[in-house]
Amino acid sequence: MAKKLGNDYLLWVESATAGTYNLVKGQQTLSVSRDAGSIDTTSKDDSGYGTSAPGLKSLKLSLDAIPNLPDADGYTRLETLCNAAPATPFNVQIRKGGQTGASPADVVFAGSVYGNIASTEFGQNDAVKAKIEFSAAAAPTTDKLA
């Protein structure tokens, strides 16, 4: 089994045509964070040890990008979806296989999310950078590494 390279995993956003996805250009770091709460099940007869059961799971995605514009079907569409008021969920995929990642064979994550452009940086002598954060609107339909 070969080691996986982060450069091969890219975010795709669903286009206005349902089921069709477009690559977001200018991606740098893409991450998926998972967490699970816990339910306290401790009682007085547990011999001084706390016990718990798994609680609800939460999932967040984060994308650091240097927007490569124009990118009407990728970054600009993502920006429009993130800035929608009221917030509306939309579908994203993470595909392995770089810029030519195929669907469904290369899809390692798929789900409905809410998006937020958390920050945009305009640094002196630096590229314009954007940080986009996503929270799950529903359980992911695909969530695997390879």
Foldseek 3Di string as FASTA:
>chain_A
DDDADQQQKFKWFAFPPPPDTATFPFWDDKDKDKDWDWAWPDDPPPVPDTDIDTHDMWMKMKIKGLGDPPDCRHPVVVVCQQPDPPRDKGKMFIFGGHNPGDPPVGTQWIAIWTKHFPDWDDDDPDGIMTMMMIIGPDPIPHHHDD
